[in-house]
N, C-alpha and C. Protein backbone atom coordinates (compact mmCIF):
# COMPACT_ATOMS: atom_id res chain seq x y z
N MET A 1 69.73 -174.90 2.36
CA MET A 1 69.79 -172.75 3.04
C MET A 1 67.59 -172.98 2.91
N GLU A 2 67.07 -172.60 4.51
CA GLU A 2 66.17 -171.56 3.84
C GLU A 2 65.49 -170.64 4.92
N ILE A 3 64.51 -169.55 3.96
CA ILE A 3 65.01 -168.42 3.89
C ILE A 3 62.55 -168.79 5.09
N THR A 4 63.08 -167.30 6.02
CA THR A 4 61.58 -167.09 5.82
C THR A 4 61.63 -165.80 6.26
N THR A 5 60.31 -165.03 5.38
CA THR A 5 60.13 -163.67 5.27
C THR A 5 58.98 -163.54 5.91
N THR A 6 59.11 -162.30 6.47
CA THR A 6 58.45 -161.75 6.91
C THR A 6 57.70 -160.35 6.94
N LEU A 7 56.48 -159.78 6.92
CA LEU A 7 57.11 -158.09 5.90
C LEU A 7 55.67 -157.44 7.41
N ASP A 8 56.12 -156.57 7.06
CA ASP A 8 54.89 -155.27 8.43
C ASP A 8 55.59 -154.79 7.62
N GLY A 9 55.40 -153.46 7.09
CA GLY A 9 53.99 -152.16 6.58
C GLY A 9 55.85 -152.66 5.51
N THR A 10 57.13 -151.19 5.95
CA THR A 10 58.24 -151.38 4.69
C THR A 10 59.17 -152.06 5.06
N THR A 11 58.62 -152.51 6.31
CA THR A 11 59.83 -153.67 6.61
C THR A 11 59.63 -154.81 6.36
N ALA A 12 61.17 -156.54 5.66
CA ALA A 12 60.90 -157.34 5.58
C ALA A 12 61.75 -157.87 6.36
N THR A 13 61.52 -158.82 7.34
CA THR A 13 62.42 -159.89 7.99
C THR A 13 63.00 -160.97 7.37
N LEU A 14 63.74 -161.80 7.52
CA LEU A 14 63.92 -162.87 6.35
C LEU A 14 65.44 -163.91 7.44
N ALA A 15 64.65 -164.65 7.96
CA ALA A 15 65.43 -165.43 9.12
C ALA A 15 66.40 -166.77 7.79
N LEU A 16 67.22 -166.36 8.22
CA LEU A 16 68.56 -167.58 7.53
C LEU A 16 68.59 -168.69 8.60
N GLU A 17 68.84 -169.75 7.18
CA GLU A 17 68.93 -171.01 8.23
C GLU A 17 69.91 -172.24 6.91
N GLY A 18 70.87 -172.93 8.39
CA GLY A 18 71.54 -173.00 6.86
C GLY A 18 72.85 -172.20 6.65
N LYS A 19 73.67 -172.94 5.30
CA LYS A 19 74.62 -172.28 4.68
C LYS A 19 74.14 -171.65 3.12
N LEU A 20 74.51 -170.06 3.51
CA LEU A 20 74.81 -168.94 2.44
C LEU A 20 76.23 -169.39 1.66
N SER A 21 76.19 -169.33 0.49
CA SER A 21 76.80 -169.80 -0.24
C SER A 21 76.48 -169.57 -1.54
N VAL A 22 77.78 -169.83 -2.74
CA VAL A 22 77.61 -169.71 -3.66
C VAL A 22 76.34 -170.14 -4.55
N ALA A 23 75.71 -171.40 -4.29
CA ALA A 23 74.87 -172.90 -4.44
C ALA A 23 73.51 -171.76 -3.65
N THR A 24 73.55 -171.16 -2.24
CA THR A 24 72.08 -170.92 -1.56
C THR A 24 72.01 -169.37 -2.30
N SER A 25 73.23 -168.73 -2.23
CA SER A 25 73.02 -167.18 -2.48
C SER A 25 72.11 -166.43 -3.41
N PRO A 26 71.67 -167.02 -4.70
CA PRO A 26 70.75 -166.71 -5.81
C PRO A 26 69.76 -167.36 -4.69
N ASP A 27 69.07 -167.48 -4.12
CA ASP A 27 67.88 -167.92 -3.01
C ASP A 27 67.35 -167.24 -2.48
N LEU A 28 68.47 -166.20 -1.67
CA LEU A 28 68.55 -165.38 -1.24
C LEU A 28 67.98 -163.85 -1.64
N GLU A 29 68.77 -163.77 -3.12
CA GLU A 29 68.65 -162.64 -4.15
C GLU A 29 67.03 -162.70 -4.63
N ALA A 30 66.56 -163.99 -4.22
CA ALA A 30 65.27 -163.57 -5.55
C ALA A 30 64.31 -163.35 -4.30
N ALA A 31 64.83 -163.86 -3.31
CA ALA A 31 63.89 -163.80 -1.81
C ALA A 31 63.38 -162.21 -1.58
N ILE A 32 64.89 -161.71 -1.82
CA ILE A 32 65.04 -159.65 -1.91
C ILE A 32 64.23 -159.24 -2.42
N SER A 33 64.72 -159.82 -3.92
CA SER A 33 64.01 -158.54 -5.59
C SER A 33 63.21 -159.13 -5.15
N GLY A 34 62.03 -160.33 -5.28
CA GLY A 34 60.73 -160.42 -5.03
C GLY A 34 59.31 -160.05 -4.06
N LEU A 35 61.21 -158.81 -3.48
CA LEU A 35 59.26 -157.94 -2.14
C LEU A 35 58.87 -157.00 -2.75
N PRO A 36 58.00 -156.18 -2.41
CA PRO A 36 57.22 -155.18 -2.33
C PRO A 36 58.40 -154.10 -2.88
N GLU A 37 57.69 -152.84 -3.98
CA GLU A 37 58.86 -152.46 -4.48
C GLU A 37 58.81 -150.89 -2.96
N ASP A 38 57.90 -151.22 -2.04
CA ASP A 38 58.36 -150.39 -1.72
C ASP A 38 58.39 -150.91 0.15
N THR A 39 59.52 -151.61 -0.12
CA THR A 39 60.79 -152.45 1.24
C THR A 39 61.67 -151.19 1.37
N THR A 40 61.67 -151.30 2.24
CA THR A 40 62.67 -150.02 2.71
C THR A 40 63.75 -150.19 3.97
N ASN A 41 63.21 -150.71 4.43
CA ASN A 41 63.84 -151.49 5.29
C ASN A 41 64.38 -153.65 5.39
N PHE A 42 65.83 -153.26 5.86
CA PHE A 42 65.36 -154.98 6.14
C PHE A 42 66.42 -155.23 6.39
N ILE A 43 66.37 -156.49 7.58
CA ILE A 43 65.73 -156.72 9.32
C ILE A 43 66.56 -158.77 8.66
N ILE A 44 67.72 -158.96 8.57
CA ILE A 44 68.65 -159.82 7.96
C ILE A 44 68.95 -161.20 9.18
N ASP A 45 67.96 -162.51 9.99
CA ASP A 45 67.66 -162.55 10.96
C ASP A 45 68.92 -163.77 10.62
N LEU A 46 70.25 -164.21 11.67
CA LEU A 46 71.43 -164.84 11.23
C LEU A 46 71.20 -165.73 12.04
N ALA A 47 71.00 -166.56 13.00
CA ALA A 47 70.59 -166.72 14.34
C ALA A 47 71.20 -168.37 14.25
N LYS A 48 70.10 -168.83 13.15
CA LYS A 48 70.59 -170.62 12.46
C LYS A 48 71.59 -169.97 10.80
N LEU A 49 72.03 -168.87 10.89
CA LEU A 49 73.33 -169.26 9.84
C LEU A 49 74.45 -169.80 10.13
N ASP A 50 74.59 -171.53 9.48
CA ASP A 50 75.57 -171.72 10.04
C ASP A 50 76.73 -171.27 9.10
N TYR A 51 76.77 -170.74 7.46
CA TYR A 51 78.35 -170.06 6.52
C TYR A 51 78.35 -169.54 5.71
N ILE A 52 78.27 -168.29 5.56
CA ILE A 52 78.59 -167.27 4.96
C ILE A 52 80.10 -167.29 4.06
N SER A 53 78.90 -167.80 2.63
CA SER A 53 80.52 -167.48 1.66
C SER A 53 80.42 -165.41 1.13
N SER A 54 81.37 -165.63 0.10
CA SER A 54 81.76 -164.06 -0.23
C SER A 54 80.72 -163.84 -1.40
N ALA A 55 79.54 -164.93 -2.00
CA ALA A 55 79.01 -164.85 -2.98
C ALA A 55 77.31 -164.10 -2.02
N GLY A 56 77.99 -164.98 -1.06
CA GLY A 56 76.67 -164.41 0.18
C GLY A 56 76.47 -163.16 1.25
N LEU A 57 78.31 -162.74 0.93
CA LEU A 57 78.63 -161.11 1.29
C LEU A 57 77.77 -160.64 0.57
N ARG A 58 78.41 -160.55 -1.09
CA ARG A 58 77.72 -159.87 -2.10
C ARG A 58 76.87 -159.16 -2.15
N VAL A 59 75.60 -160.65 -1.82
CA VAL A 59 73.74 -160.24 -1.78
C VAL A 59 73.80 -159.17 -0.72
N LEU A 60 74.22 -159.76 0.61
CA LEU A 60 74.48 -158.51 2.05
C LEU A 60 74.14 -157.31 1.58
N VAL A 61 75.10 -156.88 1.17
CA VAL A 61 76.75 -155.99 0.09
C VAL A 61 74.99 -155.27 -1.24
N SER A 62 74.65 -156.06 -1.56
CA SER A 62 74.02 -155.26 -2.86
C SER A 62 72.78 -155.02 -2.05
N THR A 63 71.87 -156.01 -0.43
CA THR A 63 70.53 -155.36 0.24
C THR A 63 71.37 -154.12 0.77
N GLU A 64 72.26 -154.45 1.55
CA GLU A 64 72.50 -152.71 1.82
C GLU A 64 72.67 -151.53 1.03
N LYS A 65 73.10 -151.76 -0.39
CA LYS A 65 72.17 -150.39 -0.67
C LYS A 65 71.60 -150.42 -1.60
N LEU A 66 70.48 -151.23 -1.74
CA LEU A 66 69.16 -151.58 -2.01
C LEU A 66 68.44 -150.67 -1.11
N ALA A 67 68.24 -151.09 0.00
CA ALA A 67 68.24 -150.34 1.04
C ALA A 67 68.27 -149.01 1.57
N SER A 68 69.92 -148.64 1.27
CA SER A 68 69.66 -147.18 1.26
C SER A 68 69.77 -146.15 0.20
N ARG A 69 69.29 -146.99 -1.19
CA ARG A 69 68.77 -146.01 -1.89
C ARG A 69 67.21 -145.79 -2.38
N ARG A 70 66.41 -146.53 -1.69
CA ARG A 70 64.59 -146.78 -1.23
C ARG A 70 65.08 -145.63 -0.01
N GLY A 71 66.02 -144.49 1.04
CA GLY A 71 66.09 -144.60 1.99
C GLY A 71 65.44 -144.97 3.42
N GLY A 72 66.02 -146.07 3.41
CA GLY A 72 65.17 -147.51 4.53
C GLY A 72 67.04 -147.84 5.14
N SER A 73 67.18 -148.45 5.46
CA SER A 73 68.92 -149.31 5.88
C SER A 73 68.41 -151.36 6.46
N MET A 74 69.43 -151.12 7.18
CA MET A 74 69.45 -153.56 6.76
C MET A 74 69.80 -153.37 8.18
N ARG A 75 69.93 -154.11 8.06
CA ARG A 75 70.24 -154.75 9.40
C ARG A 75 70.37 -156.17 9.78
N LEU A 76 71.54 -156.30 10.26
CA LEU A 76 71.44 -158.14 10.19
C LEU A 76 72.02 -158.29 11.84
N LEU A 77 70.81 -158.94 12.29
CA LEU A 77 70.46 -159.91 13.68
C LEU A 77 71.03 -161.23 14.13
N HIS A 78 72.07 -161.28 15.06
CA HIS A 78 72.13 -162.07 15.77
C HIS A 78 73.34 -162.91 14.83
N PRO A 79 74.74 -162.81 14.27
CA PRO A 79 75.43 -163.23 14.11
C PRO A 79 76.16 -164.87 15.11
N ASN A 80 76.68 -165.59 14.28
CA ASN A 80 77.49 -166.43 15.55
C ASN A 80 78.69 -166.20 15.04
N ASP A 81 79.48 -165.97 16.02
CA ASP A 81 80.79 -165.74 16.07
C ASP A 81 82.10 -166.37 14.39
N GLU A 82 81.66 -166.93 13.93
CA GLU A 82 82.06 -167.78 12.95
C GLU A 82 81.40 -166.86 11.11
N VAL A 83 80.37 -166.73 11.86
CA VAL A 83 79.99 -165.31 10.22
C VAL A 83 80.75 -164.58 11.07
N SER A 84 80.34 -164.07 12.49
CA SER A 84 81.48 -162.45 12.48
C SER A 84 82.27 -162.39 12.59
N GLU A 85 82.47 -163.11 12.41
CA GLU A 85 84.59 -163.31 11.34
C GLU A 85 84.73 -163.54 11.03
N VAL A 86 83.51 -163.14 9.61
CA VAL A 86 83.56 -163.77 8.46
C VAL A 86 83.34 -162.44 8.19
N PHE A 87 82.57 -161.60 9.04
CA PHE A 87 82.43 -160.22 8.62
C PHE A 87 83.81 -159.09 9.29
N ASP A 88 84.24 -160.17 10.58
CA ASP A 88 85.41 -158.59 10.65
C ASP A 88 86.50 -159.03 10.05
N MET A 89 86.81 -159.89 9.41
CA MET A 89 88.04 -160.26 8.37
C MET A 89 88.30 -159.67 7.02
N THR A 90 86.86 -159.45 6.15
CA THR A 90 86.70 -158.46 5.47
C THR A 90 86.41 -157.15 5.49
N GLY A 91 86.18 -156.75 7.14
CA GLY A 91 86.08 -155.26 7.17
C GLY A 91 84.28 -154.63 6.58
N LEU A 92 83.51 -156.17 6.45
CA LEU A 92 82.21 -154.98 7.06
C LEU A 92 81.77 -155.30 7.41
N ALA A 93 82.48 -155.42 9.20
CA ALA A 93 81.84 -155.05 10.63
C ALA A 93 81.48 -153.74 10.26
N ASP A 94 82.44 -153.30 9.55
CA ASP A 94 82.77 -151.01 9.75
C ASP A 94 80.94 -151.08 8.77
N VAL A 95 81.09 -151.52 8.16
CA VAL A 95 79.63 -151.30 7.17
C VAL A 95 78.35 -151.71 7.11
N PHE A 96 78.71 -152.92 7.65
CA PHE A 96 76.80 -153.23 8.13
C PHE A 96 76.67 -153.21 9.70
N THR A 97 75.16 -153.38 10.02
CA THR A 97 74.78 -152.78 11.06
C THR A 97 74.29 -154.19 11.15
N ILE A 98 75.29 -154.28 12.97
CA ILE A 98 75.53 -155.81 12.85
C ILE A 98 74.19 -155.94 14.90
N GLU A 99 73.48 -156.52 15.02
CA GLU A 99 73.31 -156.96 16.21
C GLU A 99 73.45 -157.42 16.82
N ALA A 100 73.86 -158.32 17.65
CA ALA A 100 74.92 -159.74 18.69
C ALA A 100 73.69 -160.41 19.07
């Protein structure tokens, strides 16, 4: 999986490409934990994400909690149908802010 990170003030945009699985979720965790501590808003662009596993969902839940603790928010952008279906099946579509 490839992660492209852009910072704009207190907002970090992370564009994911490939598969977010048990093998690659530590990479996303590392990218998020490596951001400045004043980062409060997280935008995760899923337009090029082909697959997400439960390990990937765990990282997104953790990021949502981190944003909330810091007084910010997390938004997920452009998930494909397969990734959207995972959010729907797990009930996370009601937890996350998802923009098509």
